[in-house]
């Protein structure tokens, strides 16, 4: 058995079975998680997941330095790319979040050290028996969101932060009957 949300498409099953909840500690992977989950705001994850390769192409495989240096003309070109969600504020936020990430890296040593510090570098494992009990936010995601926003991040609300925490393995929210729980 797998988590119910992952049964809607082959792409979601593969993502669930191979990536979701696996700890990510590299800055590029964490930045990708922030960018894609921010792009998801108001949409189904499968919508963004289907466009992930286009996002990687448009945003230099989420190389933080290269994304931060993108020109207005490059951002305008991304806005015309049918392979991504063409929402101006979401697209522009990826560049501005890359710039904010560089400031975090300068201040904290790495994006990873900063994000994982919210959970004292130790992933939390929940024990949900029913997917309906999995929260959309937590006190930790509230603190993370407030800190990110104070540092200039956009599309970094508490629900987005919580989905990032789930996807990058900071919190294990696989239901206990899921084959990926352990």
N, C-alpha and C. Protein backbone atom coordinates (compact mmCIF):
# COMPACT_ATOMS: atom_id res chain seq x y z
N UNK A 1 0.84 -1.18 0.00
CA UNK A 1 0.00 0.00 0.00
C UNK A 1 0.88 1.24 0.00
N UNK A 2 0.38 2.29 -0.65
CA UNK A 2 1.10 3.57 -0.62
C UNK A 2 0.14 4.68 -0.18
N UNK A 3 0.68 5.84 0.09
CA UNK A 3 -0.14 6.98 0.49
C UNK A 3 -1.17 7.27 -0.59
N UNK A 4 -2.37 7.56 -0.16
CA UNK A 4 -3.51 7.71 -1.07
C UNK A 4 -3.28 8.78 -2.14
N UNK A 5 -2.64 9.90 -1.80
CA UNK A 5 -2.44 10.97 -2.76
C UNK A 5 -1.62 10.53 -3.96
N UNK A 6 -0.80 9.50 -3.77
CA UNK A 6 0.12 9.07 -4.83
C UNK A 6 -0.52 8.11 -5.82
N UNK A 7 -1.78 7.81 -5.67
CA UNK A 7 -2.45 6.83 -6.54
C UNK A 7 -3.17 7.47 -7.72
N UNK A 8 -3.00 8.76 -7.93
CA UNK A 8 -3.73 9.45 -8.99
C UNK A 8 -3.09 9.33 -10.37
N UNK A 9 -1.78 9.10 -10.41
CA UNK A 9 -1.09 9.02 -11.70
C UNK A 9 0.21 8.22 -11.55
N UNK A 10 0.71 7.74 -12.68
CA UNK A 10 1.99 7.03 -12.66
C UNK A 10 3.11 7.95 -12.17
N UNK A 11 3.10 9.20 -12.61
CA UNK A 11 4.15 10.14 -12.20
C UNK A 11 4.15 10.34 -10.69
N UNK A 12 2.95 10.45 -10.10
CA UNK A 12 2.87 10.62 -8.65
C UNK A 12 3.31 9.36 -7.92
N UNK A 13 2.97 8.20 -8.46
CA UNK A 13 3.41 6.94 -7.83
C UNK A 13 4.94 6.85 -7.84
N UNK A 14 5.54 7.15 -8.97
CA UNK A 14 7.00 7.09 -9.07
C UNK A 14 7.65 8.10 -8.13
N UNK A 15 7.14 9.32 -8.13
CA UNK A 15 7.67 10.35 -7.24
C UNK A 15 7.56 9.91 -5.78
N UNK A 16 6.39 9.43 -5.41
CA UNK A 16 6.17 8.96 -4.04
C UNK A 16 7.12 7.83 -3.67
N UNK A 17 7.27 6.88 -4.56
CA UNK A 17 8.06 5.68 -4.26
C UNK A 17 9.56 5.91 -4.29
N UNK A 18 10.01 6.98 -4.94
CA UNK A 18 11.46 7.17 -5.09
C UNK A 18 12.00 8.45 -4.46
N UNK A 19 11.15 9.46 -4.27
CA UNK A 19 11.67 10.75 -3.82
C UNK A 19 11.01 11.32 -2.58
N UNK A 20 9.69 11.27 -2.51
CA UNK A 20 8.96 11.99 -1.46
C UNK A 20 9.36 11.47 -0.09
N UNK A 21 9.85 12.36 0.73
CA UNK A 21 10.23 12.00 2.08
C UNK A 21 11.67 11.53 2.22
N UNK A 22 12.42 11.48 1.14
CA UNK A 22 13.83 11.10 1.20
C UNK A 22 14.62 12.35 1.58
N UNK A 23 15.43 12.29 2.63
CA UNK A 23 16.17 13.48 3.07
C UNK A 23 17.07 14.06 1.98
N UNK A 24 16.93 15.36 1.79
CA UNK A 24 17.72 16.13 0.82
C UNK A 24 18.54 17.13 1.62
N UNK A 25 19.84 17.13 1.38
CA UNK A 25 20.73 18.04 2.10
C UNK A 25 21.52 18.95 1.19
N UNK A 26 21.44 18.76 -0.12
CA UNK A 26 22.21 19.63 -1.01
C UNK A 26 21.38 20.88 -1.33
N UNK A 27 22.06 22.01 -1.42
CA UNK A 27 21.39 23.28 -1.61
C UNK A 27 20.57 23.32 -2.90
N UNK A 28 21.10 22.75 -3.98
CA UNK A 28 20.38 22.77 -5.25
C UNK A 28 19.05 22.03 -5.13
N UNK A 29 19.08 20.86 -4.51
CA UNK A 29 17.86 20.08 -4.35
C UNK A 29 16.85 20.76 -3.45
N UNK A 30 17.32 21.41 -2.40
CA UNK A 30 16.42 22.14 -1.51
C UNK A 30 15.84 23.36 -2.21
N UNK A 31 16.66 24.05 -3.00
CA UNK A 31 16.16 25.20 -3.74
C UNK A 31 15.11 24.75 -4.77
N UNK A 32 15.36 23.63 -5.42
CA UNK A 32 14.36 23.10 -6.35
C UNK A 32 13.05 22.82 -5.62
N UNK A 33 13.15 22.22 -4.44
CA UNK A 33 11.94 21.94 -3.65
C UNK A 33 11.17 23.21 -3.33
N UNK A 34 11.88 24.26 -2.91
CA UNK A 34 11.22 25.53 -2.61
C UNK A 34 10.59 26.13 -3.87
N UNK A 35 11.31 26.07 -4.98
CA UNK A 35 10.81 26.66 -6.22
C UNK A 35 9.57 25.93 -6.73
N UNK A 36 9.63 24.60 -6.76
CA UNK A 36 8.50 23.84 -7.29
C UNK A 36 7.30 23.89 -6.36
N UNK A 37 7.52 23.81 -5.07
CA UNK A 37 6.39 23.87 -4.15
C UNK A 37 5.78 25.27 -4.13
N UNK A 38 6.58 26.29 -4.33
CA UNK A 38 6.03 27.64 -4.47
C UNK A 38 5.21 27.76 -5.75
N UNK A 39 5.66 27.12 -6.80
CA UNK A 39 4.91 27.12 -8.06
C UNK A 39 3.60 26.35 -7.94
N UNK A 40 3.55 25.43 -7.02
CA UNK A 40 2.36 24.62 -6.82
C UNK A 40 1.22 25.40 -6.18
N UNK A 41 1.50 26.47 -5.48
CA UNK A 41 0.48 27.19 -4.70
C UNK A 41 -0.84 27.30 -5.48
N UNK A 42 -1.87 26.71 -4.90
CA UNK A 42 -3.20 26.75 -5.50
C UNK A 42 -3.45 25.69 -6.56
N UNK A 43 -2.46 24.85 -6.81
CA UNK A 43 -2.57 23.84 -7.87
C UNK A 43 -2.31 22.45 -7.30
N UNK A 44 -2.64 21.43 -8.07
CA UNK A 44 -2.34 20.06 -7.69
C UNK A 44 -0.86 19.78 -7.95
N UNK A 45 -0.24 18.98 -7.09
CA UNK A 45 1.17 18.64 -7.25
C UNK A 45 1.43 17.98 -8.60
N UNK A 46 0.51 17.15 -9.09
CA UNK A 46 0.73 16.47 -10.36
C UNK A 46 0.89 17.46 -11.51
N UNK A 47 0.26 18.64 -11.40
CA UNK A 47 0.41 19.68 -12.43
C UNK A 47 1.85 20.14 -12.51
N UNK A 48 2.45 20.42 -11.35
CA UNK A 48 3.84 20.88 -11.30
C UNK A 48 4.78 19.73 -11.65
N UNK A 49 4.51 18.56 -11.12
CA UNK A 49 5.36 17.40 -11.37
C UNK A 49 5.47 17.11 -12.86
N UNK A 50 4.38 17.27 -13.59
CA UNK A 50 4.39 17.03 -15.03
C UNK A 50 5.24 18.05 -15.77
N UNK A 51 5.50 19.18 -15.15
CA UNK A 51 6.27 20.25 -15.78
C UNK A 51 7.69 20.38 -15.21
N UNK A 52 8.06 19.47 -14.33
CA UNK A 52 9.35 19.60 -13.64
C UNK A 52 10.54 19.66 -14.59
N UNK A 53 10.55 18.85 -15.62
CA UNK A 53 11.69 18.88 -16.54
C UNK A 53 11.78 20.23 -17.26
N UNK A 54 10.64 20.80 -17.59
CA UNK A 54 10.65 22.13 -18.23
C UNK A 54 11.16 23.19 -17.26
N UNK A 55 10.78 23.08 -15.99
CA UNK A 55 11.30 24.01 -14.98
C UNK A 55 12.82 23.86 -14.86
N UNK A 56 13.28 22.63 -14.86
CA UNK A 56 14.73 22.41 -14.75
C UNK A 56 15.46 23.04 -15.93
N UNK A 57 14.91 22.89 -17.12
CA UNK A 57 15.53 23.49 -18.31
C UNK A 57 15.48 25.01 -18.24
N UNK A 58 14.34 25.56 -17.88
CA UNK A 58 14.17 27.02 -17.85
C UNK A 58 15.00 27.68 -16.75
N UNK A 59 15.22 26.97 -15.65
CA UNK A 59 15.93 27.54 -14.51
C UNK A 59 17.27 26.86 -14.24
N UNK A 60 17.98 26.53 -15.33
CA UNK A 60 19.37 26.07 -15.23
C UNK A 60 19.55 24.95 -14.22
N UNK A 61 18.64 23.97 -14.23
CA UNK A 61 18.68 22.84 -13.31
C UNK A 61 18.74 23.30 -11.85
N UNK A 62 18.13 24.45 -11.59
CA UNK A 62 18.05 25.04 -10.25
C UNK A 62 19.40 25.35 -9.64
N UNK A 63 20.37 25.69 -10.49
CA UNK A 63 21.66 26.19 -10.02
C UNK A 63 21.38 27.58 -9.43
N UNK A 64 21.54 27.72 -8.14
CA UNK A 64 21.13 28.93 -7.44
C UNK A 64 21.83 30.17 -7.98
N UNK A 65 23.12 30.09 -8.21
CA UNK A 65 23.88 31.25 -8.71
C UNK A 65 23.38 31.65 -10.09
N UNK A 66 23.17 30.68 -10.97
CA UNK A 66 22.71 30.99 -12.33
C UNK A 66 21.29 31.54 -12.33
N UNK A 67 20.43 31.00 -11.48
CA UNK A 67 19.06 31.51 -11.42
C UNK A 67 19.05 32.93 -10.87
N UNK A 68 19.84 33.19 -9.83
CA UNK A 68 19.91 34.53 -9.25
C UNK A 68 20.38 35.56 -10.27
N UNK A 69 21.21 35.14 -11.21
CA UNK A 69 21.76 36.05 -12.22
C UNK A 69 20.88 36.18 -13.47
N UNK A 70 19.76 35.50 -13.51
CA UNK A 70 18.91 35.58 -14.70
C UNK A 70 18.45 37.02 -14.93
N UNK A 71 18.50 37.42 -16.20
CA UNK A 71 18.10 38.77 -16.58
C UNK A 71 16.58 38.86 -16.71
N UNK A 72 16.10 40.09 -16.78
CA UNK A 72 14.67 40.28 -17.00
C UNK A 72 14.24 39.65 -18.32
N UNK A 73 15.10 39.72 -19.32
CA UNK A 73 14.77 39.11 -20.63
C UNK A 73 14.66 37.59 -20.51
N UNK A 74 15.53 36.96 -19.72
CA UNK A 74 15.44 35.52 -19.52
C UNK A 74 14.15 35.15 -18.78
N UNK A 75 13.79 35.95 -17.80
CA UNK A 75 12.54 35.71 -17.07
C UNK A 75 11.35 35.88 -18.01
N UNK A 76 11.38 36.90 -18.85
CA UNK A 76 10.31 37.11 -19.83
C UNK A 76 10.19 35.92 -20.78
N UNK A 77 11.32 35.34 -21.17
CA UNK A 77 11.29 34.16 -22.04
C UNK A 77 10.64 32.98 -21.32
N UNK A 78 10.93 32.81 -20.03
CA UNK A 78 10.31 31.72 -19.26
C UNK A 78 8.79 31.92 -19.21
N UNK A 79 8.36 33.17 -19.12
CA UNK A 79 6.92 33.45 -19.07
C UNK A 79 6.19 33.05 -20.35
N UNK A 80 6.92 32.86 -21.43
CA UNK A 80 6.32 32.42 -22.69
C UNK A 80 6.49 30.92 -22.92
N UNK A 81 7.14 30.24 -22.01
CA UNK A 81 7.41 28.80 -22.12
C UNK A 81 6.16 28.02 -21.70
N UNK A 82 5.55 27.31 -22.62
CA UNK A 82 4.34 26.54 -22.31
C UNK A 82 4.63 25.34 -21.40
N UNK A 83 5.90 25.01 -21.21
CA UNK A 83 6.26 23.88 -20.37
C UNK A 83 6.22 24.17 -18.88
N UNK A 84 6.08 25.45 -18.51
CA UNK A 84 6.01 25.83 -17.10
C UNK A 84 4.66 26.49 -16.83
N UNK A 85 4.36 26.71 -15.58
CA UNK A 85 3.15 27.44 -15.20
C UNK A 85 3.47 28.92 -15.38
N UNK A 86 2.79 29.53 -16.31
CA UNK A 86 3.14 30.89 -16.72
C UNK A 86 2.42 31.93 -15.85
N UNK A 87 2.79 31.92 -14.59
CA UNK A 87 2.26 32.85 -13.59
C UNK A 87 3.41 33.80 -13.26
N UNK A 88 3.27 35.07 -13.64
CA UNK A 88 4.37 36.03 -13.54
C UNK A 88 4.97 36.09 -12.14
N UNK A 89 4.14 36.20 -11.11
CA UNK A 89 4.67 36.32 -9.75
C UNK A 89 5.42 35.07 -9.31
N UNK A 90 4.91 33.91 -9.69
CA UNK A 90 5.59 32.66 -9.34
C UNK A 90 6.92 32.53 -10.06
N UNK A 91 6.95 32.88 -11.34
CA UNK A 91 8.20 32.80 -12.11
C UNK A 91 9.22 33.78 -11.55
N UNK A 92 8.81 35.02 -11.32
CA UNK A 92 9.73 36.02 -10.78
C UNK A 92 10.21 35.64 -9.38
N UNK A 93 9.35 34.96 -8.61
CA UNK A 93 9.75 34.59 -7.25
C UNK A 93 10.88 33.57 -7.25
N UNK A 94 10.97 32.76 -8.29
CA UNK A 94 12.06 31.78 -8.32
C UNK A 94 13.40 32.51 -8.38
N UNK A 95 13.49 33.55 -9.22
CA UNK A 95 14.73 34.33 -9.27
C UNK A 95 14.97 35.07 -7.95
N UNK A 96 13.94 35.73 -7.43
CA UNK A 96 14.15 36.48 -6.18
C UNK A 96 14.46 35.54 -5.02
N UNK A 97 13.90 34.33 -5.03
CA UNK A 97 14.22 33.36 -3.98
C UNK A 97 15.64 32.82 -4.14
N UNK A 98 16.13 32.75 -5.37
CA UNK A 98 17.54 32.37 -5.57
C UNK A 98 18.45 33.43 -4.97
N UNK A 99 18.09 34.68 -5.17
CA UNK A 99 18.89 35.77 -4.60
C UNK A 99 18.83 35.74 -3.07
N UNK A 100 17.66 35.48 -2.52
CA UNK A 100 17.52 35.35 -1.06
C UNK A 100 18.31 34.14 -0.56
N UNK A 101 18.30 33.06 -1.34
CA UNK A 101 19.07 31.86 -0.97
C UNK A 101 20.56 32.17 -0.89
N UNK A 102 21.06 32.96 -1.83
CA UNK A 102 22.48 33.32 -1.79
C UNK A 102 22.81 34.11 -0.54
N UNK A 103 21.90 34.98 -0.11
CA UNK A 103 22.12 35.73 1.15
C UNK A 103 22.13 34.77 2.34
N UNK A 104 21.23 33.79 2.33
CA UNK A 104 21.20 32.78 3.40
C UNK A 104 22.51 32.00 3.41
N UNK A 105 22.97 31.60 2.24
CA UNK A 105 24.22 30.84 2.14
C UNK A 105 25.38 31.67 2.69
N UNK A 106 25.41 32.97 2.37
CA UNK A 106 26.45 33.85 2.91
C UNK A 106 26.36 33.93 4.44
N UNK A 107 25.14 34.00 4.97
CA UNK A 107 24.95 34.16 6.41
C UNK A 107 25.10 32.86 7.20
N UNK A 108 24.61 31.77 6.63
CA UNK A 108 24.50 30.50 7.37
C UNK A 108 25.45 29.40 6.90
N UNK A 109 26.14 29.63 5.80
CA UNK A 109 27.06 28.62 5.27
C UNK A 109 26.45 27.78 4.17
N UNK A 110 25.17 27.49 4.28
CA UNK A 110 24.46 26.74 3.23
C UNK A 110 22.96 26.88 3.44
N UNK A 111 22.22 26.70 2.38
CA UNK A 111 20.76 26.68 2.49
C UNK A 111 20.33 25.48 3.31
N UNK A 112 21.05 24.38 3.14
CA UNK A 112 20.76 23.16 3.88
C UNK A 112 20.89 23.38 5.39
N UNK A 113 21.99 23.96 5.83
CA UNK A 113 22.19 24.20 7.26
C UNK A 113 21.07 25.06 7.82
N UNK A 114 20.68 26.07 7.06
CA UNK A 114 19.61 26.96 7.50
C UNK A 114 18.27 26.23 7.61
N UNK A 115 17.84 25.55 6.54
CA UNK A 115 16.53 24.89 6.56
C UNK A 115 16.48 23.76 7.58
N UNK A 116 17.51 22.93 7.62
CA UNK A 116 17.51 21.80 8.55
C UNK A 116 17.64 22.24 10.01
N UNK A 117 18.11 23.47 10.24
CA UNK A 117 18.22 23.96 11.62
C UNK A 117 16.85 24.12 12.27
N UNK A 118 15.81 24.25 11.47
CA UNK A 118 14.47 24.39 12.03
C UNK A 118 14.01 23.12 12.75
N UNK A 119 14.63 21.99 12.41
CA UNK A 119 14.30 20.73 13.09
C UNK A 119 15.53 20.15 13.78
N UNK A 120 16.50 21.01 14.08
CA UNK A 120 17.73 20.60 14.76
C UNK A 120 18.43 19.46 14.02
N UNK A 121 18.38 19.51 12.70
CA UNK A 121 19.06 18.53 11.83
C UNK A 121 18.57 17.10 12.02
N UNK A 122 17.39 16.93 12.56
CA UNK A 122 16.86 15.58 12.79
C UNK A 122 15.44 15.48 12.26
N UNK A 123 15.26 14.62 11.26
CA UNK A 123 13.93 14.45 10.66
C UNK A 123 12.94 13.92 11.69
N UNK A 124 11.72 14.39 11.58
CA UNK A 124 10.65 13.94 12.48
C UNK A 124 9.82 12.90 11.75
N UNK A 125 9.52 11.81 12.41
CA UNK A 125 8.68 10.77 11.82
C UNK A 125 7.34 10.74 12.54
N UNK A 126 6.29 11.04 11.78
CA UNK A 126 4.94 10.99 12.34
C UNK A 126 4.39 9.58 12.17
N UNK A 127 3.25 9.33 12.74
CA UNK A 127 2.64 7.99 12.68
C UNK A 127 1.15 8.13 12.37
N UNK A 128 0.86 8.68 11.21
CA UNK A 128 -0.52 8.89 10.80
C UNK A 128 -1.12 7.58 10.30
N UNK A 129 -2.28 7.24 10.80
CA UNK A 129 -2.99 6.04 10.35
C UNK A 129 -3.94 6.36 9.21
N UNK A 130 -4.32 7.61 9.10
CA UNK A 130 -5.28 8.03 8.08
C UNK A 130 -4.74 9.31 7.43
N UNK A 131 -4.75 9.35 6.11
CA UNK A 131 -4.24 10.52 5.39
C UNK A 131 -4.98 11.79 5.77
N UNK A 132 -6.22 11.67 6.20
CA UNK A 132 -6.99 12.84 6.61
C UNK A 132 -6.40 13.53 7.83
N UNK A 133 -5.55 12.84 8.58
CA UNK A 133 -4.94 13.42 9.78
C UNK A 133 -3.63 14.15 9.50
N UNK A 134 -3.08 13.98 8.30
CA UNK A 134 -1.82 14.64 7.96
C UNK A 134 -2.08 16.14 7.88
N UNK A 135 -1.34 16.93 8.65
CA UNK A 135 -1.60 18.37 8.68
C UNK A 135 -1.11 19.09 7.42
N UNK A 136 -1.57 20.30 7.25
CA UNK A 136 -1.12 21.15 6.14
C UNK A 136 -0.05 22.13 6.60
N UNK A 137 0.21 22.18 7.89
CA UNK A 137 1.20 23.08 8.46
C UNK A 137 1.58 22.56 9.84
N UNK A 138 2.58 23.15 10.43
CA UNK A 138 3.00 22.79 11.78
C UNK A 138 3.63 24.01 12.44
N UNK A 139 3.85 23.96 13.74
CA UNK A 139 4.56 25.08 14.37
C UNK A 139 5.94 25.31 13.74
N UNK A 140 6.60 24.24 13.32
CA UNK A 140 7.91 24.39 12.67
C UNK A 140 7.76 25.09 11.32
N UNK A 141 6.77 24.68 10.53
CA UNK A 141 6.59 25.34 9.23
C UNK A 141 6.17 26.80 9.42
N UNK A 142 5.45 27.09 10.49
CA UNK A 142 5.11 28.48 10.80
C UNK A 142 6.39 29.30 11.03
N UNK A 143 7.30 28.76 11.83
CA UNK A 143 8.57 29.46 12.11
C UNK A 143 9.42 29.58 10.86
N UNK A 144 9.49 28.49 10.08
CA UNK A 144 10.27 28.51 8.85
C UNK A 144 9.73 29.57 7.91
N UNK A 145 8.43 29.59 7.72
CA UNK A 145 7.80 30.56 6.83
C UNK A 145 8.10 31.99 7.28
N UNK A 146 7.93 32.26 8.55
CA UNK A 146 8.18 33.62 9.06
C UNK A 146 9.63 34.02 8.81
N UNK A 147 10.56 33.10 9.04
CA UNK A 147 11.98 33.40 8.84
C UNK A 147 12.30 33.59 7.36
N UNK A 148 11.79 32.71 6.51
CA UNK A 148 12.03 32.84 5.07
C UNK A 148 11.49 34.18 4.56
N UNK A 149 10.29 34.51 4.96
CA UNK A 149 9.67 35.74 4.48
C UNK A 149 10.44 36.97 4.99
N UNK A 150 10.92 36.89 6.21
CA UNK A 150 11.72 37.99 6.76
C UNK A 150 13.01 38.17 5.95
N UNK A 151 13.51 37.07 5.41
CA UNK A 151 14.74 37.11 4.61
C UNK A 151 14.46 37.43 3.13
N UNK A 152 13.20 37.70 2.80
CA UNK A 152 12.88 38.13 1.44
C UNK A 152 12.33 37.07 0.52
N UNK A 153 12.09 35.86 1.02
CA UNK A 153 11.54 34.80 0.17
C UNK A 153 10.06 35.08 -0.10
N UNK A 154 9.64 34.74 -1.31
CA UNK A 154 8.24 34.86 -1.70
C UNK A 154 7.69 33.48 -1.97
N UNK A 155 6.37 33.34 -1.92
CA UNK A 155 5.71 32.03 -2.05
C UNK A 155 6.34 31.06 -1.06
N UNK A 156 6.37 31.50 0.18
CA UNK A 156 6.98 30.72 1.27
C UNK A 156 6.08 30.72 2.49
N UNK A 157 4.78 30.58 2.27
CA UNK A 157 3.84 30.51 3.38
C UNK A 157 4.00 29.20 4.14
N UNK A 158 3.33 29.10 5.25
CA UNK A 158 3.49 27.94 6.12
C UNK A 158 3.08 26.63 5.45
N UNK A 159 2.02 26.64 4.65
CA UNK A 159 1.61 25.40 3.96
C UNK A 159 2.64 24.99 2.93
N UNK A 160 3.21 25.96 2.22
CA UNK A 160 4.27 25.65 1.25
C UNK A 160 5.49 25.10 1.99
N UNK A 161 5.86 25.74 3.09
CA UNK A 161 7.01 25.25 3.86
C UNK A 161 6.77 23.83 4.34
N UNK A 162 5.55 23.53 4.77
CA UNK A 162 5.28 22.17 5.24
C UNK A 162 5.41 21.16 4.10
N UNK A 163 4.92 21.50 2.91
CA UNK A 163 5.07 20.56 1.79
C UNK A 163 6.54 20.40 1.41
N UNK A 164 7.32 21.45 1.55
CA UNK A 164 8.77 21.33 1.31
C UNK A 164 9.36 20.37 2.35
N UNK A 165 9.00 20.56 3.61
CA UNK A 165 9.50 19.69 4.68
C UNK A 165 9.16 18.23 4.41
N UNK A 166 7.95 17.97 3.94
CA UNK A 166 7.55 16.60 3.60
C UNK A 166 8.36 16.07 2.43
N UNK A 167 8.46 16.86 1.39
CA UNK A 167 9.09 16.36 0.16
C UNK A 167 10.59 16.14 0.31
N UNK A 168 11.26 16.95 1.13
CA UNK A 168 12.72 16.82 1.28
C UNK A 168 13.11 16.01 2.51
N UNK A 169 12.14 15.30 3.09
CA UNK A 169 12.45 14.36 4.16
C UNK A 169 12.70 14.96 5.53
N UNK A 170 12.32 16.20 5.74
CA UNK A 170 12.46 16.79 7.07
C UNK A 170 11.40 16.24 8.01
N UNK A 171 10.29 15.81 7.43
CA UNK A 171 9.23 15.17 8.18
C UNK A 171 8.72 13.98 7.37
N UNK A 172 8.52 12.87 8.05
CA UNK A 172 8.00 11.67 7.39
C UNK A 172 6.49 11.63 7.63
N UNK A 173 5.74 11.95 6.58
CA UNK A 173 4.29 11.92 6.67
C UNK A 173 3.67 10.81 5.84
N UNK A 174 4.46 9.79 5.50
CA UNK A 174 3.86 8.60 4.91
C UNK A 174 2.95 8.00 5.98
N UNK A 175 1.76 7.56 5.59
CA UNK A 175 0.89 6.89 6.56
C UNK A 175 1.55 5.58 6.97
N UNK A 176 1.24 5.10 8.16
CA UNK A 176 1.95 3.94 8.71
C UNK A 176 1.76 2.67 7.86
N UNK A 177 0.67 2.56 7.12
CA UNK A 177 0.45 1.38 6.27
C UNK A 177 1.16 1.47 4.92
N UNK A 178 1.74 2.61 4.63
CA UNK A 178 2.44 2.81 3.35
C UNK A 178 3.73 2.00 3.34
N UNK A 179 4.05 1.40 2.19
CA UNK A 179 5.29 0.62 2.10
C UNK A 179 6.54 1.48 2.25
N UNK A 180 6.42 2.81 2.14
CA UNK A 180 7.56 3.70 2.28
C UNK A 180 7.68 4.29 3.69
N UNK A 181 6.76 3.94 4.57
CA UNK A 181 6.76 4.53 5.91
C UNK A 181 8.09 4.34 6.62
N UNK A 182 8.61 3.13 6.62
CA UNK A 182 9.86 2.86 7.35
C UNK A 182 11.04 3.33 6.54
